[in-house]
Amino acid sequence: MEPELQQLLNCLSDGGRHSGRDLAERFGISRAAVWKRIERLRALGLAVDAVPGGGYQLSPPDEWLDADAIQAAMRQPIPVSVVFEIGSTNDALAGDAHSPAALLAETQTAGRGRRGRSWLSPPGSGLYLSLAWTFESGLGGLGGLSLAAGLAAAETLRDQGLQAVKLKWPNDLMVNQRKLGGLLVDVSGSADGPCRAIIGLGLNVRLPEAVVIDQAATDLHQQGIKTGRNRLAGLLVSALVETCETLDRDGFSALLPRWQALDALAGQPVRATAARGPAVEGRCCGVDHLGRLGIETDQGLRWISGGEISVRRR
């Protein structure tokens, strides 16, 4: 974020009303320039109201992200960075050789979901974080990485009181069939190892009413979870680190029973579709030690690998 916008945001973050005249005098600019900066904040997704005769008022989040506060909630001393605006936390860490390392952003301008979808990230309304991790095992042992990461996030949320959270293969966090969050994993390296992974997590904390999402969604505020974003971010990063250590040492088999206990599709009729090839329909039979999804079809049991595949209840 440009310094002049950051200064204005810092001023408005007290939640009070600030007249255009006072802001102009404070920053040594014209009232028209103040209005232009307000519009730029709004373009980022920030809710700045113009009160007739009362100036401008920002509806700030309960707290802004802070690297020191996040690290204070963590169980491991790994580097944590916080930025206000970035294209994609996954992309930024992919270009950084350091690992382990965590990066969080208040907002992403090019956040990515699976199958090329964009991930909406209004400032202050969610958690958008990525963890860089180096695995000694090769690529062949990381088939269940996205599932393992989802498990780490789900168990952390359950510890905070959200018992209704479930896992939808391969990497969605669901509450009562509404999407709470999702994960995106980028892996590079050799088949024999070591290899490097970037694990991205997007989690809805308190979505603005004006945000339009093309699927049923929910957030932590709607579910009654009040854990502060900094504390929750620290707990989530710690859980991801511990899960990566387990996966690297013992494989996904060690996590499989815990994942199955939170499987949102177990026993459900489903339809799996890919960009190419016919759809697969049948009853979901859970996942195996490689992270593949089992579907019992009329022709027998089919195992579906992750990637560009969408699975929906029928």
C-alpha atoms as a PDB file:
ATOM      1  CA  MET A   1       0.000   0.000   0.000  1.00  0.00           C
ATOM      2  CA  GLU A   2       1.238   3.479  -0.869  1.00  0.00           C
ATOM      3  CA  PRO A   3       2.461   5.485   2.159  1.00  0.00           C
ATOM      4  CA  GLU A   4      -0.201   8.180   1.732  1.00  0.00           C
ATOM      5  CA  LEU A   5      -2.981   5.587   1.751  1.00  0.00           C
ATOM      6  CA  GLN A   6      -1.460   3.841   4.763  1.00  0.00           C
ATOM      7  CA  GLN A   7      -1.376   7.164   6.648  1.00  0.00           C
ATOM      8  CA  LEU A   8      -5.032   7.807   5.860  1.00  0.00           C
ATOM      9  CA  LEU A   9      -5.983   4.263   6.828  1.00  0.00           C
ATOM     10  CA  ASN A  10      -4.120   4.579  10.132  1.00  0.00           C
ATOM     11  CA  CYS A  11      -6.023   7.765  10.867  1.00  0.00           C
ATOM     12  CA  LEU A  12      -9.436   6.280  10.045  1.00  0.00           C
ATOM     13  CA  SER A  13      -8.772   3.018  11.905  1.00  0.00           C
ATOM     14  CA  ASP A  14      -9.910   4.538  15.195  1.00  0.00           C
ATOM     15  CA  GLY A  15     -13.478   4.109  13.919  1.00  0.00           C
ATOM     16  CA  GLY A  16     -14.324   7.776  14.547  1.00  0.00           C
ATOM     17  CA  ARG A  17     -15.615  10.416  12.178  1.00  0.00           C
ATOM     18  CA  HIS A  18     -13.088  12.635  10.419  1.00  0.00           C
ATOM     19  CA  SER A  19     -14.139  15.636   8.369  1.00  0.00           C
ATOM     20  CA  GLY A  20     -12.677  16.195   4.946  1.00  0.00           C
ATOM     21  CA  ARG A  21     -11.385  19.586   6.100  1.00  0.00           C
ATOM     22  CA  ASP A  22      -9.576  18.121   9.111  1.00  0.00           C
ATOM     23  CA  LEU A  23      -8.044  15.369   7.002  1.00  0.00           C
ATOM     24  CA  ALA A  24      -6.927  17.871   4.376  1.00  0.00           C
ATOM     25  CA  GLU A  25      -5.246  20.023   7.015  1.00  0.00           C
ATOM     26  CA  ARG A  26      -3.645  17.008   8.696  1.00  0.00           C
ATOM     27  CA  PHE A  27      -2.041  15.728   5.491  1.00  0.00           C
ATOM     28  CA  GLY A  28      -1.474  19.088   3.782  1.00  0.00           C
ATOM     29  CA  ILE A  29      -3.627  18.300   0.757  1.00  0.00           C
ATOM     30  CA  SER A  30      -6.873  19.554  -0.747  1.00  0.00           C
ATOM     31  CA  ARG A  31     -10.300  18.167   0.188  1.00  0.00           C
ATOM     32  CA  ALA A  32     -10.570  16.879  -3.384  1.00  0.00           C
ATOM     33  CA  ALA A  33      -7.335  14.950  -2.865  1.00  0.00           C
ATOM     34  CA  VAL A  34      -8.748  13.516   0.381  1.00  0.00           C
ATOM     35  CA  TRP A  35     -11.828  12.326  -1.507  1.00  0.00           C
ATOM     36  CA  LYS A  36      -9.664  10.662  -4.154  1.00  0.00           C
ATOM     37  CA  ARG A  37      -7.721   8.792  -1.473  1.00  0.00           C
ATOM     38  CA  ILE A  38     -10.974   7.728   0.183  1.00  0.00           C
ATOM     39  CA  GLU A  39     -12.123   6.336  -3.156  1.00  0.00           C
ATOM     40  CA  ARG A  40      -8.872   4.404  -3.487  1.00  0.00           C
ATOM     41  CA  LEU A  41      -9.444   2.840  -0.059  1.00  0.00           C
ATOM     42  CA  ARG A  42     -12.966   1.909  -1.114  1.00  0.00           C
ATOM     43  CA  ALA A  43     -11.589   0.338  -4.290  1.00  0.00           C
ATOM     44  CA  LEU A  44      -9.534  -1.970  -2.045  1.00  0.00           C
ATOM     45  CA  GLY A  45     -12.759  -3.155  -0.443  1.00  0.00           C
ATOM     46  CA  LEU A  46     -12.682  -1.044   2.719  1.00  0.00           C
ATOM     47  CA  ALA A  47     -16.032   0.233   3.989  1.00  0.00           C
ATOM     48  CA  VAL A  48     -15.624   4.003   4.336  1.00  0.00           C
ATOM     49  CA  ASP A  49     -18.911   5.824   4.878  1.00  0.00           C
ATOM     50  CA  ALA A  50     -19.426   9.478   4.035  1.00  0.00           C
ATOM     51  CA  VAL A  51     -21.614  10.997   6.741  1.00  0.00           C
ATOM     52  CA  PRO A  52     -23.328  14.208   5.564  1.00  0.00           C
ATOM     53  CA  GLY A  53     -21.922  17.022   7.678  1.00  0.00           C
ATOM     54  CA  GLY A  54     -19.912  14.510   9.706  1.00  0.00           C
ATOM     55  CA  GLY A  55     -17.048  13.514   7.457  1.00  0.00           C
ATOM     56  CA  TYR A  56     -15.694  10.036   6.758  1.00  0.00           C
ATOM     57  CA  GLN A  57     -15.915   6.966   8.963  1.00  0.00           C
ATOM     58  CA  LEU A  58     -14.234   3.596   8.463  1.00  0.00           C
ATOM     59  CA  SER A  59     -15.744   0.362   9.731  1.00  0.00           C
ATOM     60  CA  PRO A  60     -12.460  -1.251  10.815  1.00  0.00           C
ATOM     61  CA  PRO A  61     -11.986  -4.946  11.634  1.00  0.00           C
ATOM     62  CA  ASP A  62     -11.806  -5.982  15.259  1.00  0.00           C
ATOM     63  CA  GLU A  63      -8.014  -5.944  14.837  1.00  0.00           C
ATOM     64  CA  TRP A  64      -5.494  -5.521  12.055  1.00  0.00           C
ATOM     65  CA  LEU A  65      -2.963  -8.275  11.486  1.00  0.00           C
ATOM     66  CA  ASP A  66       0.307  -7.908  13.383  1.00  0.00           C
ATOM     67  CA  ALA A  67       3.330 -10.176  12.930  1.00  0.00           C
ATOM     68  CA  ASP A  68       4.448  -9.903  16.570  1.00  0.00           C
ATOM     69  CA  ALA A  69       0.978 -10.807  17.872  1.00  0.00           C
ATOM     70  CA  ILE A  70       0.793 -13.762  15.479  1.00  0.00           C
ATOM     71  CA  GLN A  71       4.190 -15.095  16.553  1.00  0.00           C
ATOM     72  CA  ALA A  72       3.187 -14.734  20.215  1.00  0.00           C
ATOM     73  CA  ALA A  73       0.364 -17.237  19.588  1.00  0.00           C
ATOM     74  CA  MET A  74       2.600 -19.735  17.765  1.00  0.00           C
ATOM     75  CA  ARG A  75       4.264 -22.820  19.167  1.00  0.00           C
ATOM     76  CA  GLN A  76       7.290 -22.614  16.833  1.00  0.00           C
ATOM     77  CA  PRO A  77       9.708 -19.732  16.145  1.00  0.00           C
ATOM     78  CA  ILE A  78       9.426 -19.517  12.366  1.00  0.00           C
ATOM     79  CA  PRO A  79       9.561 -16.223  10.437  1.00  0.00           C
ATOM     80  CA  VAL A  80       6.203 -14.484   9.939  1.00  0.00           C
ATOM     81  CA  SER A  81       5.586 -11.478   7.695  1.00  0.00           C
ATOM     82  CA  VAL A  82       2.443  -9.370   7.310  1.00  0.00           C
ATOM     83  CA  VAL A  83       1.621  -7.077   4.394  1.00  0.00           C
ATOM     84  CA  PHE A  84      -1.507  -5.091   3.761  1.00  0.00           C
ATOM     85  CA  GLU A  85      -1.927  -5.739   0.035  1.00  0.00           C
ATOM     86  CA  ILE A  86      -0.349  -8.330  -2.236  1.00  0.00           C
ATOM     87  CA  GLY A  87      -1.139 -10.145  -5.448  1.00  0.00           C
ATOM     88  CA  SER A  88      -1.070 -13.637  -3.928  1.00  0.00           C
ATOM     89  CA  THR A  89       0.620 -14.876  -0.764  1.00  0.00           C
ATOM     90  CA  ASN A  90       1.325 -18.207  -2.483  1.00  0.00           C
ATOM     91  CA  ASP A  91       2.954 -16.518  -5.460  1.00  0.00           C
ATOM     92  CA  ALA A  92       5.023 -14.240  -3.220  1.00  0.00           C
ATOM     93  CA  LEU A  93       6.432 -17.137  -1.182  1.00  0.00           C
ATOM     94  CA  ALA A  94       7.069 -19.164  -4.328  1.00  0.00           C
ATOM     95  CA  GLY A  95       9.608 -16.527  -5.336  1.00  0.00           C
ATOM     96  CA  ASP A  96      11.279 -16.538  -1.903  1.00  0.00           C
ATOM     97  CA  ALA A  97      13.849 -19.250  -1.192  1.00  0.00           C
ATOM     98  CA  HIS A  98      13.364 -19.181   2.584  1.00  0.00           C
ATOM     99  CA  SER A  99      11.468 -21.983   4.326  1.00  0.00           C
ATOM    100  CA  PRO A 100       9.897 -22.449   6.684  1.00  0.00           C
ATOM    101  CA  ALA A 101       8.247 -19.056   6.490  1.00  0.00           C
ATOM    102  CA  ALA A 102       4.726 -17.701   6.749  1.00  0.00           C
ATOM    103  CA  LEU A 103       3.208 -14.731   4.943  1.00  0.00           C
ATOM    104  CA  LEU A 104      -0.157 -13.105   5.657  1.00  0.00           C
ATOM    105  CA  ALA A 105      -1.996 -10.308   3.868  1.00  0.00           C
ATOM    106  CA  GLU A 106      -4.969  -8.155   4.728  1.00  0.00           C
ATOM    107  CA  THR A 107      -6.071  -8.369   1.108  1.00  0.00           C
ATOM    108  CA  GLN A 108      -5.004 -10.083  -2.117  1.00  0.00           C
ATOM    109  CA  THR A 109      -5.526  -8.629  -5.560  1.00  0.00           C
ATOM    110  CA  ALA A 110      -4.902 -11.947  -7.324  1.00  0.00           C
ATOM    111  CA  GLY A 111      -5.889 -14.574  -4.770  1.00  0.00           C
ATOM    112  CA  ARG A 112      -6.354 -17.997  -6.329  1.00  0.00           C
ATOM    113  CA  GLY A 113      -8.627 -20.900  -5.624  1.00  0.00           C
ATOM    114  CA  ARG A 114      -8.708 -24.293  -7.294  1.00  0.00           C
ATOM    115  CA  ARG A 115      -9.425 -24.705 -11.014  1.00  0.00           C
ATOM    116  CA  GLY A 116      -8.265 -21.160 -11.755  1.00  0.00           C
ATOM    117  CA  ARG A 117     -10.993 -19.490  -9.692  1.00  0.00           C
ATOM    118  CA  SER A 118     -10.293 -16.186  -7.968  1.00  0.00           C
ATOM    119  CA  TRP A 119     -10.502 -15.995  -4.178  1.00  0.00           C
ATOM    120  CA  LEU A 120     -12.228 -12.869  -2.862  1.00  0.00           C
ATOM    121  CA  SER A 121     -10.297 -11.266  -0.007  1.00  0.00           C
ATOM    122  CA  PRO A 122     -11.778  -7.992   1.282  1.00  0.00           C
ATOM    123  CA  PRO A 123      -9.396  -6.245   3.709  1.00  0.00           C
ATOM    124  CA  GLY A 124      -9.796  -7.228   7.344  1.00  0.00           C
ATOM    125  CA  SER A 125     -12.566  -9.742   6.645  1.00  0.00           C
ATOM    126  CA  GLY A 126     -10.628 -12.999   6.588  1.00  0.00           C
ATOM    127  CA  LEU A 127      -7.298 -14.720   6.946  1.00  0.00           C
ATOM    128  CA  TYR A 128      -5.196 -15.090   3.812  1.00  0.00           C
ATOM    129  CA  LEU A 129      -1.966 -16.860   4.649  1.00  0.00           C
ATOM    130  CA  SER A 130       0.660 -19.083   3.103  1.00  0.00           C
ATOM    131  CA  LEU A 131       3.304 -21.344   4.614  1.00  0.00           C
ATOM    132  CA  ALA A 132       6.489 -22.333   2.792  1.00  0.00           C
ATOM    133  CA  TRP A 133       7.813 -25.740   3.840  1.00  0.00           C
ATOM    134  CA  THR A 134      10.560 -28.040   2.598  1.00  0.00           C
ATOM    135  CA  PHE A 135       9.825 -31.780   2.679  1.00  0.00           C
ATOM    136  CA  GLU A 136      12.631 -34.314   2.709  1.00  0.00           C
ATOM    137  CA  SER A 137      10.322 -36.909   1.159  1.00  0.00           C
ATOM    138  CA  GLY A 138       9.759 -36.754  -2.582  1.00  0.00           C
ATOM    139  CA  LEU A 139       6.736 -35.632  -4.531  1.00  0.00           C
ATOM    140  CA  GLY A 140       5.275 -39.134  -4.438  1.00  0.00           C
ATOM    141  CA  GLY A 141       4.711 -38.861  -0.704  1.00  0.00           C
ATOM    142  CA  LEU A 142       2.754 -35.617  -0.878  1.00  0.00           C
ATOM    143  CA  GLY A 143      -0.442 -36.809  -2.524  1.00  0.00           C
ATOM    144  CA  GLY A 144      -2.305 -36.129   0.700  1.00  0.00           C
ATOM    145  CA  LEU A 145      -0.746 -32.730   1.427  1.00  0.00           C
ATOM    146  CA  SER A 146      -3.813 -30.613   0.683  1.00  0.00           C
ATOM    147  CA  LEU A 147      -5.955 -32.984   2.762  1.00  0.00           C
ATOM    148  CA  ALA A 148      -3.476 -32.859   5.634  1.00  0.00           C
ATOM    149  CA  ALA A 149      -3.413 -29.065   5.539  1.00  0.00           C
ATOM    150  CA  GLY A 150      -7.202 -28.948   5.566  1.00  0.00           C
ATOM    151  CA  LEU A 151      -7.204 -31.274   8.568  1.00  0.00           C
ATOM    152  CA  ALA A 152      -4.823 -28.956  10.444  1.00  0.00           C
ATOM    153  CA  ALA A 153      -7.122 -25.999   9.813  1.00  0.00           C
ATOM    154  CA  ALA A 154     -10.314 -27.882  10.696  1.00  0.00           C
ATOM    155  CA  GLU A 155      -8.948 -29.258  13.961  1.00  0.00           C
ATOM    156  CA  THR A 156      -7.723 -25.797  14.952  1.00  0.00           C
ATOM    157  CA  LEU A 157     -11.194 -24.374  14.364  1.00  0.00           C
ATOM    158  CA  ARG A 158     -12.781 -27.189  16.342  1.00  0.00           C
ATOM    159  CA  ASP A 159     -10.449 -26.371  19.229  1.00  0.00           C
ATOM    160  CA  GLN A 160     -11.873 -22.832  19.086  1.00  0.00           C
ATOM    161  CA  GLY A 161     -15.422 -24.133  19.403  1.00  0.00           C
ATOM    162  CA  LEU A 162     -16.510 -24.701  15.799  1.00  0.00           C
ATOM    163  CA  GLN A 163     -17.533 -28.350  16.134  1.00  0.00           C
ATOM    164  CA  ALA A 164     -19.627 -28.248  12.943  1.00  0.00           C
ATOM    165  CA  VAL A 165     -16.676 -27.767  10.592  1.00  0.00           C
ATOM    166  CA  LYS A 166     -16.138 -30.591   8.078  1.00  0.00           C
ATOM    167  CA  LEU A 167     -13.686 -31.369   5.269  1.00  0.00           C
ATOM    168  CA  LYS A 168     -14.849 -31.664   1.674  1.00  0.00           C
ATOM    169  CA  TRP A 169     -12.348 -33.459  -0.537  1.00  0.00           C
ATOM    170  CA  PRO A 170      -9.817 -32.366  -1.463  1.00  0.00           C
ATOM    171  CA  ASN A 171      -9.394 -29.068   0.383  1.00  0.00           C
ATOM    172  CA  ASP A 172     -12.570 -27.210   1.355  1.00  0.00           C
ATOM    173  CA  LEU A 173     -13.626 -26.275   4.889  1.00  0.00           C
ATOM    174  CA  MET A 174     -17.403 -26.591   5.183  1.00  0.00           C
ATOM    175  CA  VAL A 175     -20.064 -25.808   7.778  1.00  0.00           C
ATOM    176  CA  ASN A 176     -23.540 -27.194   7.071  1.00  0.00           C
ATOM    177  CA  GLN A 177     -22.745 -27.412   3.343  1.00  0.00           C
ATOM    178  CA  ARG A 178     -21.591 -23.785   3.256  1.00  0.00           C
ATOM    179  CA  LYS A 179     -17.984 -22.929   2.408  1.00  0.00           C
ATOM    180  CA  LEU A 180     -15.938 -21.436   5.222  1.00  0.00           C
ATOM    181  CA  GLY A 181     -12.507 -21.623   3.621  1.00  0.00           C
ATOM    182  CA  GLY A 182     -10.245 -23.418   1.219  1.00  0.00           C
ATOM    183  CA  LEU A 183      -6.651 -24.383   0.574  1.00  0.00           C
ATOM    184  CA  LEU A 184      -4.362 -24.246  -2.421  1.00  0.00           C
ATOM    185  CA  VAL A 185      -1.071 -26.153  -2.495  1.00  0.00           C
ATOM    186  CA  ASP A 186       1.801 -25.530  -4.925  1.00  0.00           C
ATOM    187  CA  VAL A 187       4.619 -28.100  -4.915  1.00  0.00           C
ATOM    188  CA  SER A 188       7.948 -28.147  -6.722  1.00  0.00           C
ATOM    189  CA  GLY A 189      10.889 -30.520  -6.545  1.00  0.00           C
ATOM    190  CA  SER A 190      11.968 -34.012  -7.540  1.00  0.00           C
ATOM    191  CA  ALA A 191      10.331 -37.380  -7.160  1.00  0.00           C
ATOM    192  CA  ASP A 192      13.036 -38.497  -4.726  1.00  0.00           C
ATOM    193  CA  GLY A 193      13.070 -35.290  -2.681  1.00  0.00           C
ATOM    194  CA  PRO A 194      13.598 -32.898  -1.199  1.00  0.00           C
ATOM    195  CA  CYS A 195      10.754 -30.747  -2.468  1.00  0.00           C
ATOM    196  CA  ARG A 196       9.240 -27.420  -1.509  1.00  0.00           C
ATOM    197  CA  ALA A 197       5.558 -26.718  -0.917  1.00  0.00           C
ATOM    198  CA  ILE A 198       3.593 -23.501  -0.563  1.00  0.00           C
ATOM    199  CA  ILE A 199       0.383 -24.103   1.390  1.00  0.00           C
ATOM    200  CA  GLY A 200      -2.169 -21.325   1.028  1.00  0.00           C
ATOM    201  CA  LEU A 201      -5.230 -20.949   3.264  1.00  0.00           C
ATOM    202  CA  GLY A 202      -8.139 -18.575   2.797  1.00  0.00           C
ATOM    203  CA  LEU A 203     -10.604 -18.394   5.682  1.00  0.00           C
ATOM    204  CA  ASN A 204     -13.739 -16.248   5.977  1.00  0.00           C
ATOM    205  CA  VAL A 205     -13.740 -14.446   9.331  1.00  0.00           C
ATOM    206  CA  ARG A 206     -16.336 -11.691   8.906  1.00  0.00           C
ATOM    207  CA  LEU A 207     -17.485 -11.073   5.344  1.00  0.00           C
ATOM    208  CA  PRO A 208     -18.909  -7.642   4.467  1.00  0.00           C
ATOM    209  CA  GLU A 209     -22.581  -7.673   3.530  1.00  0.00           C
ATOM    210  CA  ALA A 210     -21.756  -6.153   0.136  1.00  0.00           C
ATOM    211  CA  VAL A 211     -19.529  -9.057  -0.923  1.00  0.00           C
ATOM    212  CA  VAL A 212     -21.131 -11.282  -3.573  1.00  0.00           C
ATOM    213  CA  ILE A 213     -19.926 -14.912  -3.639  1.00  0.00           C
ATOM    214  CA  ASP A 214     -20.990 -17.389  -6.322  1.00  0.00           C
ATOM    215  CA  GLN A 215     -21.608 -20.249  -3.867  1.00  0.00           C
ATOM    216  CA  ALA A 216     -23.115 -20.848  -0.449  1.00  0.00           C
ATOM    217  CA  ALA A 217     -20.662 -19.414   2.080  1.00  0.00           C
ATOM    218  CA  THR A 218     -20.344 -18.658   5.766  1.00  0.00           C
ATOM    219  CA  ASP A 219     -17.827 -17.047   8.105  1.00  0.00           C
ATOM    220  CA  LEU A 220     -16.570 -17.450  11.647  1.00  0.00           C
ATOM    221  CA  HIS A 221     -18.580 -14.488  12.914  1.00  0.00           C
ATOM    222  CA  GLN A 222     -21.813 -16.078  11.697  1.00  0.00           C
ATOM    223  CA  GLN A 223     -20.798 -19.280  13.478  1.00  0.00           C
ATOM    224  CA  GLY A 224     -20.230 -17.476  16.787  1.00  0.00           C
ATOM    225  CA  ILE A 225     -16.432 -17.856  16.826  1.00  0.00           C
ATOM    226  CA  LYS A 226     -14.853 -14.734  18.305  1.00  0.00           C
ATOM    227  CA  THR A 227     -11.150 -15.696  18.400  1.00  0.00           C
ATOM    228  CA  GLY A 228      -9.048 -12.712  17.343  1.00  0.00           C
ATOM    229  CA  ARG A 229      -7.496 -12.908  13.897  1.00  0.00           C
ATOM    230  CA  ASN A 230      -3.911 -12.635  15.165  1.00  0.00           C
ATOM    231  CA  ARG A 231      -4.298 -15.416  17.711  1.00  0.00           C
ATOM    232  CA  LEU A 232      -6.155 -17.606  15.219  1.00  0.00           C
ATOM    233  CA  ALA A 233      -3.505 -17.000  12.554  1.00  0.00           C
ATOM    234  CA  GLY A 234      -0.764 -18.059  14.965  1.00  0.00           C
ATOM    235  CA  LEU A 235      -2.632 -21.219  15.923  1.00  0.00           C
ATOM    236  CA  LEU A 236      -3.291 -22.087  12.280  1.00  0.00           C
ATOM    237  CA  VAL A 237       0.341 -21.620  11.211  1.00  0.00           C
ATOM    238  CA  SER A 238       1.492 -23.755  14.161  1.00  0.00           C
ATOM    239  CA  ALA A 239      -0.969 -26.511  13.263  1.00  0.00           C
ATOM    240  CA  LEU A 240       0.184 -26.454   9.634  1.00  0.00           C
ATOM    241  CA  VAL A 241       3.828 -26.723  10.708  1.00  0.00           C
ATOM    242  CA  GLU A 242       3.126 -29.685  12.983  1.00  0.00           C
ATOM    243  CA  THR A 243       1.076 -31.411  10.293  1.00  0.00           C
ATOM    244  CA  CYS A 244       3.848 -30.932   7.726  1.00  0.00           C
ATOM    245  CA  GLU A 245       6.313 -32.520  10.152  1.00  0.00           C
ATOM    246  CA  THR A 246       4.010 -35.516  10.661  1.00  0.00           C
ATOM    247  CA  LEU A 247       3.344 -35.906   6.946  1.00  0.00           C
ATOM    248  CA  ASP A 248       7.044 -35.779   6.088  1.00  0.00           C
ATOM    249  CA  ARG A 249       7.943 -38.302   8.779  1.00  0.00           C
ATOM    250  CA  ASP A 250       5.007 -40.738   8.709  1.00  0.00           C
ATOM    251  CA  GLY A 251       3.039 -40.086   5.526  1.00  0.00           C
ATOM    252  CA  PHE A 252      -0.657 -39.363   5.170  1.00  0.00           C
ATOM    253  CA  SER A 253      -1.547 -42.768   6.632  1.00  0.00           C
ATOM    254  CA  ALA A 254      -0.799 -41.363  10.095  1.00  0.00           C
ATOM    255  CA  LEU A 255      -3.424 -38.640   9.569  1.00  0.00           C
ATOM    256  CA  LEU A 256      -6.010 -40.686   7.688  1.00  0.00           C
ATOM    257  CA  PRO A 257      -8.267 -41.683  10.639  1.00  0.00           C
ATOM    258  CA  ARG A 258      -8.493 -38.062  11.792  1.00  0.00           C
ATOM    259  CA  TRP A 259      -9.367 -36.880   8.291  1.00  0.00           C
ATOM    260  CA  GLN A 260     -12.038 -39.557   7.889  1.00  0.00           C
ATOM    261  CA  ALA A 261     -13.679 -38.432  11.136  1.00  0.00           C
ATOM    262  CA  LEU A 262     -14.354 -35.026   9.517  1.00  0.00           C
ATOM    263  CA  ASP A 263     -15.243 -36.223   5.995  1.00  0.00           C
ATOM    264  CA  ALA A 264     -18.223 -34.180   4.757  1.00  0.00           C
ATOM    265  CA  LEU A 265     -18.921 -36.528   1.820  1.00  0.00           C
ATOM    266  CA  ALA A 266     -18.683 -39.957   3.480  1.00  0.00           C
ATOM    267  CA  GLY A 267     -21.525 -42.188   2.295  1.00  0.00           C
ATOM    268  CA  GLN A 268     -23.037 -39.431   0.144  1.00  0.00           C
ATOM    269  CA  PRO A 269     -24.027 -39.747  -3.530  1.00  0.00           C
ATOM    270  CA  VAL A 270     -21.568 -37.626  -5.490  1.00  0.00           C
ATOM    271  CA  ARG A 271     -20.600 -36.608  -9.009  1.00  0.00           C
ATOM    272  CA  ALA A 272     -16.947 -35.972  -9.865  1.00  0.00           C
ATOM    273  CA  THR A 273     -16.207 -33.958 -12.996  1.00  0.00           C
ATOM    274  CA  ALA A 274     -12.946 -33.024 -14.665  1.00  0.00           C
ATOM    275  CA  ALA A 275     -12.007 -30.753 -17.535  1.00  0.00           C
ATOM    276  CA  ARG A 276     -11.699 -33.841 -19.714  1.00  0.00           C
ATOM    277  CA  GLY A 277     -13.300 -37.246 -19.641  1.00  0.00           C
ATOM    278  CA  PRO A 278     -16.698 -38.458 -18.464  1.00  0.00           C
ATOM    279  CA  ALA A 279     -18.068 -37.661 -15.031  1.00  0.00           C
ATOM    280  CA  VAL A 280     -17.907 -40.304 -12.292  1.00  0.00           C
ATOM    281  CA  GLU A 281     -21.062 -40.860 -10.252  1.00  0.00           C
ATOM    282  CA  GLY A 282     -21.613 -43.046  -7.223  1.00  0.00           C
ATOM    283  CA  ARG A 283     -21.403 -43.219  -3.438  1.00  0.00           C
ATOM    284  CA  CYS A 284     -18.436 -41.617  -1.693  1.00  0.00           C
ATOM    285  CA  CYS A 285     -16.334 -44.170   0.182  1.00  0.00           C
ATOM    286  CA  GLY A 286     -13.807 -41.853   1.814  1.00  0.00           C
ATOM    287  CA  VAL A 287     -10.103 -41.476   1.014  1.00  0.00           C
ATOM    288  CA  ASP A 288      -7.092 -43.782   1.014  1.00  0.00           C
ATOM    289  CA  HIS A 289      -3.512 -43.426   2.298  1.00  0.00           C
ATOM    290  CA  LEU A 290      -2.549 -41.551  -0.879  1.00  0.00           C
ATOM    291  CA  GLY A 291      -5.295 -38.964  -0.440  1.00  0.00           C
ATOM    292  CA  ARG A 292      -7.385 -40.322  -3.308  1.00  0.00           C
ATOM    293  CA  LEU A 293     -11.182 -40.199  -3.139  1.00  0.00           C
ATOM    294  CA  GLY A 294     -13.052 -43.479  -3.453  1.00  0.00           C
ATOM    295  CA  ILE A 295     -16.357 -43.572  -5.329  1.00  0.00           C
ATOM    296  CA  GLU A 296     -18.414 -46.765  -5.525  1.00  0.00           C
ATOM    297  CA  THR A 297     -19.956 -46.762  -9.011  1.00  0.00           C
ATOM    298  CA  ASP A 298     -22.172 -49.235 -10.848  1.00  0.00           C
ATOM    299  CA  GLN A 299     -18.975 -50.536 -12.482  1.00  0.00           C
ATOM    300  CA  GLY A 300     -17.064 -50.903  -9.209  1.00  0.00           C
ATOM    301  CA  LEU A 301     -14.814 -48.801  -6.975  1.00  0.00           C
ATOM    302  CA  ARG A 302     -13.055 -45.848  -8.636  1.00  0.00           C
ATOM    303  CA  TRP A 303     -10.212 -43.889  -7.077  1.00  0.00           C
ATOM    304  CA  ILE A 304     -10.055 -40.198  -7.943  1.00  0.00           C
ATOM    305  CA  SER A 305      -6.847 -38.181  -7.591  1.00  0.00           C
ATOM    306  CA  GLY A 306      -6.726 -34.467  -6.782  1.00  0.00           C
ATOM    307  CA  GLY A 307      -6.098 -31.749  -9.314  1.00  0.00           C
ATOM    308  CA  GLU A 308      -8.560 -30.127 -11.668  1.00  0.00           C
ATOM    309  CA  ILE A 309     -11.531 -32.147 -10.422  1.00  0.00           C
ATOM    310  CA  SER A 310     -14.773 -30.922  -8.892  1.00  0.00           C
ATOM    311  CA  VAL A 311     -16.855 -33.141  -6.599  1.00  0.00           C
ATOM    312  CA  ARG A 312     -20.461 -32.261  -5.764  1.00  0.00           C
ATOM    313  CA  ARG A 313     -23.286 -34.004  -3.955  1.00  0.00           C
ATOM    314  CA  ARG A 314     -25.949 -35.306  -6.277  1.00  0.00           C
END
